[in-house]
Amino acid sequence: MQKSVSVQVDSDFALFLPGGVYEIKKMEPRSKLRKVILFCLLLSLFGMVAFGYFCPDQVCAMSSRERVAESLALSYAEAPGRPLPDVIVQPGLSYDEVLHDDFRFDLNAHDVMVFLHIQKTGGTSFGRHLVMDLDLKRPCNCQRARKRCHCFRPHSNEIWLFSRYSTGWKCGLHADFTELTACVGGELDRHEGSAVHRRYFYITLLREPVSRYLSEYRHVKRGATWKGSRHWCQGRTASASEVPSCYNGDSWRGVTLEEFTACSWNLANNRQTRMLADLALVGCYNGTLRHRTADTDRVLLASAKRNLAAMAYFGLTEFQKISQYVFEETFNLRFAVPFTQHNATVSGATLAALSPAQVAQIKQLNSLDLELYDFAKGLMFKRFEALRKRDSDFEFRWRHLGEVAPRSGVTEFDWDSNLEDGTTEKYKGK
């Protein structure tokens, strides 16, 4: 008796073999598609299992931090100036990564400290501390005539510090967060003549907003302009209509406080928030000065808080000793001098002479900065307490902060001085 067996293929025909006739019938298209999909899924599953079993540790064991860092490098290289995905919240290593993942700043590797210098926050003096007072195996070589220092690694001529006194204003005079994150890598590649995979550690200083605003007012009254600032965002410099001038002529020398506060698009207003935020999130300067809204203010403030919290370090000019201790413990570097606290400044005297209405107006003009500063102060004390609790030698360290070795002098802080503070484009890139 013949056996009849049906097998589905692409066409109908009969196959005669000993013991029976095998009838081959045409396969239905839907059934074929299901089998193909099933085969692909099984093949993919087998491939993943095999890859996980045979893949070498150095390739497969990449940490989430390394994956984020890799994505971060690609994001900034391919899309300079544009807002980043939410998963990437800072352009370099964060404070938590430095502190809790045992990521110490490595002068012998490719680590770079990037100083975001906001006007009238004490950044000029802090910048001098960075190039003159750190206890290093290879101290920065400072050339007084050029107001520039060569800050090289111990065993190479690579730069470890990106700041005004070490590299100059290569990303523009007082470059902000938006400018720096789109610029630093390329500038270092050009300066050193090669592309290197670096780890960036962003740092900055903040100051009580009313005092900072009055200090900027006095500086502008003396003739400062900061005309060399590029206001770079999303691949272009802000236009004159986006960043209009508050005055006619070469400077605003002799301006009264009433005139200074009357200009609603004055860059002094909420300067700290604007310089720490990702301006691309609100359409760059078009959404920060002339066309501000409650929504753009909310986005700017949230972005500034996020970027500040994610930075490897920030200090507060009103808390010099705490700022010095947090810096030293964060980076495992020591200053050879103690930071000096100046509680009585010219801005303080100016503030005491103002009427309640004038103070209220200045606070209203800097409402975002005031909220940002309160956030920063709370975060600073939280970090200080965490570092203090884990430091078994805290009492000794605190009493002898800045006593690493005998030095010839102390770099004095003077945040109201206009000496060596670039006010025009002639300082750009020098």
Protein backbone atom coordinates (compact mmCIF):
# COMPACT_ATOMS: atom_id res chain seq x y z
CA MET A 1 0.00 0.00 0.00
CA GLN A 2 1.43 3.38 -0.94
CA LYS A 3 1.97 6.03 1.65
CA SER A 4 0.97 9.57 0.86
CA VAL A 5 2.70 12.42 2.72
CA SER A 6 2.09 16.11 2.06
CA VAL A 7 4.92 18.67 2.26
CA GLN A 8 4.41 22.35 1.49
CA VAL A 9 6.80 24.16 -0.86
CA ASP A 10 6.60 26.90 -3.44
CA SER A 11 5.02 24.74 -6.21
CA ASP A 12 2.97 21.51 -6.54
CA PHE A 13 4.59 18.29 -7.75
CA ALA A 14 4.84 14.59 -6.80
CA LEU A 15 8.00 12.88 -5.62
CA PHE A 16 8.14 9.07 -6.09
CA LEU A 17 10.37 7.24 -3.65
CA PRO A 18 10.49 3.60 -2.57
CA GLY A 19 7.70 2.86 -0.15
CA GLY A 20 5.33 5.58 -1.23
CA VAL A 21 4.41 8.65 -3.18
CA TYR A 22 5.19 11.96 -1.52
CA GLU A 23 2.91 14.72 -2.67
CA ILE A 24 4.51 18.15 -2.46
CA LYS A 25 2.02 21.02 -2.25
CA LYS A 26 2.50 24.76 -2.59
CA MET A 27 3.20 26.61 0.65
CA GLU A 28 0.83 29.41 1.64
CA PRO A 29 2.57 32.84 1.73
CA ARG A 30 1.43 33.68 5.30
CA SER A 31 2.69 30.40 6.70
CA LYS A 32 6.05 30.90 4.99
CA LEU A 33 6.40 34.41 6.45
CA ARG A 34 5.76 33.18 9.97
CA LYS A 35 8.41 30.51 9.65
CA VAL A 36 10.96 32.98 8.28
CA ILE A 37 10.32 35.37 11.18
CA LEU A 38 10.61 32.56 13.71
CA PHE A 39 13.89 31.42 12.16
CA CYS A 40 15.31 34.98 12.33
CA LEU A 41 14.32 35.38 15.97
CA LEU A 42 15.94 32.09 16.91
CA LEU A 43 19.09 33.06 15.02
CA SER A 44 19.25 36.46 16.77
CA LEU A 45 18.76 34.86 20.18
CA PHE A 46 21.54 32.37 19.49
CA GLY A 47 23.84 35.17 18.36
CA MET A 48 23.30 37.23 21.52
CA VAL A 49 23.93 34.23 23.77
CA ALA A 50 27.09 33.32 21.88
CA PHE A 51 28.34 36.94 21.90
CA GLY A 52 27.79 37.25 25.63
CA TYR A 53 29.67 34.01 26.24
CA PHE A 54 32.67 34.57 24.01
CA CYS A 55 32.98 38.39 24.07
CA PRO A 56 36.14 39.60 25.89
CA ASP A 57 35.65 41.48 29.14
CA GLN A 58 37.39 44.65 27.97
CA VAL A 59 34.85 44.97 25.15
CA CYS A 60 31.64 43.77 26.74
CA ALA A 61 32.10 45.07 30.26
CA MET A 62 31.77 48.76 29.29
CA SER A 63 30.18 50.65 32.15
CA SER A 64 27.12 52.85 31.77
CA ARG A 65 29.33 55.86 32.51
CA GLU A 66 31.64 54.95 29.62
CA ARG A 67 28.70 54.45 27.29
CA VAL A 68 27.30 57.85 28.25
CA ALA A 69 30.74 59.43 27.82
CA GLU A 70 31.05 57.90 24.37
CA SER A 71 27.59 59.12 23.37
CA LEU A 72 28.41 62.50 24.85
CA ALA A 73 31.56 62.87 22.76
CA LEU A 74 29.65 61.99 19.61
CA SER A 75 26.81 64.34 20.48
CA TYR A 76 29.06 67.35 20.94
CA ALA A 77 31.21 66.50 17.94
CA GLU A 78 28.26 66.02 15.61
CA ALA A 79 25.81 68.57 16.95
CA PRO A 80 27.66 71.52 18.49
CA GLY A 81 25.42 74.00 20.23
CA ARG A 82 22.23 71.97 19.99
CA PRO A 83 20.37 70.73 23.09
CA LEU A 84 21.48 67.29 24.16
CA PRO A 85 19.33 64.25 24.95
CA ASP A 86 18.01 64.09 28.50
CA VAL A 87 20.24 61.13 29.33
CA ILE A 88 23.30 63.37 28.97
CA VAL A 89 23.14 66.21 31.45
CA GLN A 90 26.68 67.56 31.43
CA PRO A 91 29.60 67.86 29.02
CA GLY A 92 32.09 66.22 31.37
CA LEU A 93 32.36 64.16 34.51
CA SER A 94 29.89 65.08 37.21
CA TYR A 95 30.60 65.72 40.88
CA ASP A 96 29.02 62.41 41.86
CA GLU A 97 31.20 60.52 39.39
CA VAL A 98 34.34 62.21 40.64
CA LEU A 99 33.44 61.68 44.29
CA HIS A 100 31.70 58.30 44.45
CA ASP A 101 33.21 56.39 41.54
CA ASP A 102 36.74 57.16 42.74
CA PHE A 103 37.43 59.20 39.59
CA ARG A 104 40.30 61.43 40.63
CA PHE A 105 41.57 64.19 38.41
CA ASP A 106 44.59 62.65 36.66
CA LEU A 107 47.26 65.10 35.54
CA ASN A 108 49.22 62.25 33.95
CA ALA A 109 46.37 61.18 31.66
CA HIS A 110 44.11 63.33 29.44
CA ASP A 111 41.96 65.05 32.08
CA VAL A 112 41.17 68.72 31.46
CA MET A 113 39.74 71.20 33.95
CA VAL A 114 37.51 73.77 32.19
CA PHE A 115 36.81 76.99 34.10
CA LEU A 116 33.56 78.74 33.23
CA HIS A 117 34.32 82.29 34.34
CA ILE A 118 31.25 84.42 35.07
CA GLN A 119 31.87 88.16 35.35
CA LYS A 120 32.29 89.69 38.83
CA THR A 121 32.08 86.45 40.81
CA GLY A 122 35.71 86.41 41.96
CA GLY A 123 36.79 84.39 38.94
CA THR A 124 39.83 86.55 38.18
CA SER A 125 41.36 85.82 41.58
CA PHE A 126 40.29 82.18 41.55
CA GLY A 127 41.83 81.82 38.10
CA ARG A 128 45.10 83.14 39.50
CA HIS A 129 44.91 80.61 42.32
CA LEU A 130 44.57 77.82 39.74
CA VAL A 131 47.72 78.80 37.84
CA MET A 132 49.85 80.15 40.70
CA ASP A 133 48.98 78.42 43.96
CA LEU A 134 48.26 74.73 43.33
CA ASP A 135 50.83 72.37 44.80
CA LEU A 136 51.85 70.45 41.65
CA LYS A 137 54.78 68.29 40.57
CA ARG A 138 55.11 70.57 37.56
CA PRO A 139 53.76 74.02 38.50
CA CYS A 140 52.36 76.30 35.85
CA ASN A 141 55.03 78.48 34.26
CA CYS A 142 53.61 82.01 34.36
CA GLN A 143 54.90 84.82 32.15
CA ARG A 144 53.97 88.07 33.81
CA ALA A 145 54.52 90.20 30.71
CA ARG A 146 51.90 88.20 28.78
CA LYS A 147 49.60 87.51 31.73
CA ARG A 148 49.66 83.89 30.63
CA CYS A 149 50.78 80.63 32.18
CA HIS A 150 51.82 77.34 30.60
CA CYS A 151 50.03 74.64 32.58
CA PHE A 152 51.45 71.37 31.24
CA ARG A 153 51.19 67.80 32.47
CA PRO A 154 54.12 66.37 34.45
CA HIS A 155 55.48 64.30 31.56
CA SER A 156 54.19 66.05 28.45
CA ASN A 157 53.32 69.46 27.04
CA GLU A 158 49.60 68.73 26.92
CA ILE A 159 47.35 71.27 28.64
CA TRP A 160 45.39 70.21 31.74
CA LEU A 161 43.69 73.57 32.43
CA PHE A 162 41.39 75.46 30.04
CA SER A 163 41.03 78.94 31.51
CA ARG A 164 41.69 82.58 30.86
CA TYR A 165 45.20 82.56 32.36
CA SER A 166 46.30 79.27 30.79
CA THR A 167 44.78 79.24 27.30
CA GLY A 168 43.26 82.69 26.96
CA TRP A 169 39.73 83.38 25.78
CA LYS A 170 39.86 80.75 23.02
CA CYS A 171 36.09 80.24 23.07
CA GLY A 172 35.31 83.93 23.36
CA LEU A 173 35.53 86.48 26.14
CA HIS A 174 33.76 85.06 29.22
CA ALA A 175 32.38 82.11 27.25
CA ASP A 176 29.27 80.60 28.79
CA PHE A 177 28.13 76.98 29.11
CA THR A 178 26.59 76.93 25.62
CA GLU A 179 29.77 78.26 24.03
CA LEU A 180 32.26 76.18 26.00
CA THR A 181 30.60 72.81 25.50
CA ALA A 182 30.55 73.36 21.74
CA CYS A 183 34.08 74.74 21.56
CA VAL A 184 36.58 73.35 24.08
CA GLY A 185 37.34 70.02 22.41
CA GLY A 186 37.98 71.50 18.99
CA GLU A 187 40.12 74.31 20.36
CA LEU A 188 42.31 71.91 22.32
CA ASP A 189 42.68 69.67 19.26
CA ARG A 190 43.81 72.65 17.19
CA HIS A 191 46.10 73.95 19.93
CA GLU A 192 47.81 70.60 20.49
CA GLY A 193 47.70 69.47 16.88
CA SER A 194 45.89 66.19 17.46
CA ALA A 195 42.52 64.78 18.48
CA VAL A 196 42.70 63.18 21.93
CA HIS A 197 39.98 61.45 23.93
CA ARG A 198 39.84 63.65 27.02
CA ARG A 199 37.81 63.71 30.22
CA TYR A 200 36.47 67.20 30.96
CA PHE A 201 35.88 68.54 34.47
CA TYR A 202 33.81 71.75 34.35
CA ILE A 203 34.13 74.19 37.25
CA THR A 204 32.70 77.63 38.02
CA LEU A 205 32.06 80.22 40.75
CA LEU A 206 28.81 81.89 41.78
CA ARG A 207 28.21 85.01 43.82
CA GLU A 208 25.27 86.49 45.74
CA PRO A 209 23.27 88.05 42.84
CA VAL A 210 22.60 91.55 44.20
CA SER A 211 26.25 92.07 45.13
CA ARG A 212 27.41 90.64 41.81
CA TYR A 213 25.00 92.90 39.88
CA LEU A 214 26.20 96.02 41.71
CA SER A 215 29.81 94.99 41.13
CA GLU A 216 29.12 94.68 37.41
CA TYR A 217 27.36 98.04 37.44
CA ARG A 218 30.42 99.71 39.00
CA HIS A 219 32.69 97.93 36.51
CA VAL A 220 30.64 99.11 33.53
CA LYS A 221 30.51 102.60 35.01
CA ARG A 222 34.31 102.58 34.91
CA GLY A 223 34.25 101.73 31.20
CA ALA A 224 34.05 97.94 30.92
CA THR A 225 32.17 96.62 27.88
CA TRP A 226 33.13 92.96 27.25
CA LYS A 227 32.66 93.65 23.55
CA GLY A 228 34.82 90.63 22.78
CA SER A 229 32.08 88.25 23.94
CA ARG A 230 30.81 86.19 21.00
CA HIS A 231 27.41 85.10 22.34
CA TRP A 232 27.77 81.94 20.26
CA CYS A 233 24.83 79.54 20.06
CA GLN A 234 23.73 76.86 17.59
CA GLY A 235 26.64 77.49 15.29
CA ARG A 236 26.42 81.27 14.98
CA THR A 237 27.03 84.53 16.81
CA ALA A 238 23.98 86.33 18.15
CA SER A 239 22.85 89.21 15.96
CA ALA A 240 22.71 92.84 17.03
CA SER A 241 18.92 92.62 17.19
CA GLU A 242 19.12 89.63 19.54
CA VAL A 243 21.74 91.24 21.81
CA PRO A 244 21.18 95.00 21.40
CA SER A 245 23.37 97.54 23.14
CA CYS A 246 22.05 99.51 26.08
CA TYR A 247 24.13 102.57 25.19
CA ASN A 248 25.50 104.58 22.29
CA GLY A 249 29.20 105.08 21.75
CA ASP A 250 32.22 103.03 22.77
CA SER A 251 31.22 102.41 26.38
CA TRP A 252 28.66 103.15 29.08
CA ARG A 253 31.18 105.03 31.20
CA GLY A 254 29.57 107.19 33.88
CA VAL A 255 26.19 105.40 33.70
CA THR A 256 23.87 105.97 36.64
CA LEU A 257 22.25 103.06 38.46
CA GLU A 258 18.82 104.23 37.25
CA GLU A 259 20.01 104.08 33.62
CA PHE A 260 21.68 100.70 34.20
CA THR A 261 18.54 99.10 35.62
CA ALA A 262 16.23 100.74 33.07
CA CYS A 263 17.64 98.70 30.15
CA SER A 264 15.45 95.60 30.17
CA TRP A 265 17.82 93.62 27.90
CA ASN A 266 20.90 94.43 29.98
CA LEU A 267 23.16 91.36 29.98
CA ALA A 268 23.86 91.93 33.67
CA ASN A 269 20.31 90.81 34.50
CA ASN A 270 20.27 87.14 35.58
CA ARG A 271 23.74 86.75 34.08
CA GLN A 272 24.64 83.68 36.17
CA THR A 273 21.53 81.75 35.13
CA ARG A 274 21.96 82.61 31.47
CA MET A 275 25.65 81.68 31.45
CA LEU A 276 25.02 78.29 33.06
CA ALA A 277 21.98 77.28 31.00
CA ASP A 278 21.86 75.57 27.62
CA LEU A 279 20.56 78.53 25.62
CA ALA A 280 19.66 76.37 22.63
CA LEU A 281 16.71 75.09 24.67
CA VAL A 282 14.99 78.50 24.34
CA GLY A 283 16.10 79.51 20.88
CA CYS A 284 19.39 81.04 21.98
CA TYR A 285 19.44 84.78 22.70
CA ASN A 286 16.16 85.35 20.92
CA GLY A 287 14.42 83.77 23.90
CA THR A 288 16.56 85.16 26.70
CA LEU A 289 16.67 88.94 26.30
CA ARG A 290 14.18 90.68 24.01
CA HIS A 291 11.49 87.98 23.91
CA ARG A 292 11.54 86.57 27.42
CA THR A 293 8.47 84.75 28.71
CA ALA A 294 7.60 82.92 31.91
CA ASP A 295 8.14 79.64 30.05
CA THR A 296 11.60 80.53 28.75
CA ASP A 297 12.61 81.75 32.22
CA ARG A 298 11.45 78.45 33.73
CA VAL A 299 13.41 76.44 31.17
CA LEU A 300 16.55 78.55 31.62
CA LEU A 301 16.49 78.24 35.40
CA ALA A 302 15.90 74.49 35.30
CA SER A 303 18.73 74.05 32.81
CA ALA A 304 21.12 76.20 34.86
CA LYS A 305 20.36 74.23 38.03
CA ARG A 306 20.84 70.94 36.23
CA ASN A 307 24.14 71.98 34.66
CA LEU A 308 25.46 73.44 37.89
CA ALA A 309 24.62 70.32 39.90
CA ALA A 310 26.24 68.15 37.25
CA MET A 311 29.51 70.08 37.16
CA ALA A 312 32.53 68.50 38.81
CA TYR A 313 32.88 71.55 41.07
CA PHE A 314 31.49 74.98 41.85
CA GLY A 315 32.40 77.45 44.56
CA LEU A 316 30.69 80.44 46.19
CA THR A 317 32.58 83.69 46.67
CA GLU A 318 30.86 84.34 50.01
CA PHE A 319 32.22 81.04 51.41
CA GLN A 320 35.89 80.99 50.47
CA LYS A 321 37.14 78.47 53.02
CA ILE A 322 34.36 75.98 52.31
CA SER A 323 34.88 76.43 48.57
CA GLN A 324 38.61 75.77 48.92
CA TYR A 325 38.05 72.64 51.02
CA VAL A 326 35.45 71.22 48.62
CA PHE A 327 37.75 71.83 45.64
CA GLU A 328 40.72 70.15 47.29
CA GLU A 329 38.75 67.12 48.44
CA THR A 330 36.97 66.75 45.10
CA PHE A 331 40.09 66.83 42.94
CA ASN A 332 42.64 65.55 45.47
CA LEU A 333 44.73 68.67 44.78
CA ARG A 334 46.00 71.15 47.37
CA PHE A 335 46.39 74.91 47.26
CA ALA A 336 49.57 76.14 48.90
CA VAL A 337 47.82 79.28 50.23
CA PRO A 338 44.54 79.83 52.06
CA PHE A 339 41.77 81.62 50.21
CA THR A 340 41.09 85.03 51.73
CA GLN A 341 37.56 86.09 52.62
CA HIS A 342 36.70 89.75 51.98
CA ASN A 343 33.36 90.46 53.62
CA ALA A 344 33.56 94.22 53.17
CA THR A 345 33.52 95.05 49.44
CA VAL A 346 32.79 98.21 47.51
CA SER A 347 29.57 96.60 46.30
CA GLY A 348 28.55 96.09 49.93
CA ALA A 349 29.00 99.78 50.60
CA THR A 350 27.00 100.60 47.48
CA LEU A 351 24.20 98.28 48.59
CA ALA A 352 24.01 99.95 52.00
CA ALA A 353 23.43 103.31 50.32
CA LEU A 354 20.49 102.12 48.19
CA SER A 355 16.85 102.74 48.96
CA PRO A 356 14.50 99.78 49.61
CA ALA A 357 12.86 100.44 46.24
CA GLN A 358 16.18 100.24 44.41
CA VAL A 359 17.08 96.98 46.14
CA ALA A 360 13.67 95.55 45.29
CA GLN A 361 14.11 96.49 41.63
CA ILE A 362 17.54 94.84 41.47
CA LYS A 363 16.14 91.67 43.05
CA GLN A 364 13.29 91.64 40.54
CA LEU A 365 15.74 92.00 37.65
CA ASN A 366 17.78 89.10 39.04
CA SER A 367 15.02 86.85 40.31
CA LEU A 368 16.33 83.82 38.42
CA ASP A 369 19.83 84.32 39.77
CA LEU A 370 18.49 84.62 43.31
CA GLU A 371 16.72 81.28 43.03
CA LEU A 372 19.75 79.70 41.39
CA TYR A 373 22.03 81.00 44.18
CA ASP A 374 19.75 79.61 46.90
CA PHE A 375 19.86 76.25 45.13
CA ALA A 376 23.66 76.44 44.83
CA LYS A 377 24.12 77.38 48.47
CA GLY A 378 22.06 74.43 49.67
CA LEU A 379 23.94 72.08 47.38
CA MET A 380 27.33 73.47 48.44
CA PHE A 381 26.62 72.90 52.15
CA LYS A 382 25.34 69.40 51.41
CA ARG A 383 28.56 68.53 49.57
CA PHE A 384 30.69 70.09 52.29
CA GLU A 385 28.98 68.04 55.00
CA ALA A 386 29.37 64.83 53.02
CA LEU A 387 33.08 65.47 52.49
CA ARG A 388 33.60 66.49 56.11
CA LYS A 389 31.98 63.32 57.46
CA ARG A 390 34.15 61.03 55.40
CA ASP A 391 37.39 62.92 56.22
CA SER A 392 39.00 61.37 59.30
CA ASP A 393 41.50 64.25 59.43
CA PHE A 394 38.95 67.01 58.95
CA GLU A 395 39.75 69.03 62.09
CA PHE A 396 43.45 69.16 61.23
CA ARG A 397 42.78 69.85 57.55
CA TRP A 398 40.34 72.63 58.37
CA ARG A 399 42.76 74.37 60.75
CA HIS A 400 45.66 74.12 58.30
CA LEU A 401 43.92 74.70 54.98
CA GLY A 402 46.38 76.22 52.52
CA GLU A 403 49.48 75.34 54.55
CA VAL A 404 51.01 72.81 52.18
CA ALA A 405 54.36 74.52 51.87
CA PRO A 406 55.93 77.93 52.50
CA ARG A 407 55.13 80.36 49.73
CA SER A 408 56.32 83.87 49.02
CA GLY A 409 52.86 85.41 49.01
CA VAL A 410 49.11 84.99 48.85
CA THR A 411 47.01 85.70 45.79
CA GLU A 412 44.56 88.29 47.10
CA PHE A 413 40.90 88.36 46.18
CA ASP A 414 39.48 91.68 45.08
CA TRP A 415 36.29 91.19 43.21
CA ASP A 416 35.62 94.86 42.57
CA SER A 417 38.98 95.56 40.95
CA ASN A 418 39.06 96.06 37.20
CA LEU A 419 42.79 95.32 36.92
CA GLU A 420 43.64 92.71 34.30
CA ASP A 421 39.96 92.11 33.58
CA GLY A 422 39.45 91.99 29.81
CA THR A 423 36.86 94.50 28.66
CA THR A 424 37.37 94.58 24.92
CA GLU A 425 38.05 92.22 22.07
CA LYS A 426 41.80 92.87 22.26
CA TYR A 427 41.94 90.20 24.98
CA LYS A 428 40.20 87.57 22.91
CA GLY A 429 42.36 84.53 22.27
CA LYS A 430 45.46 85.99 23.91
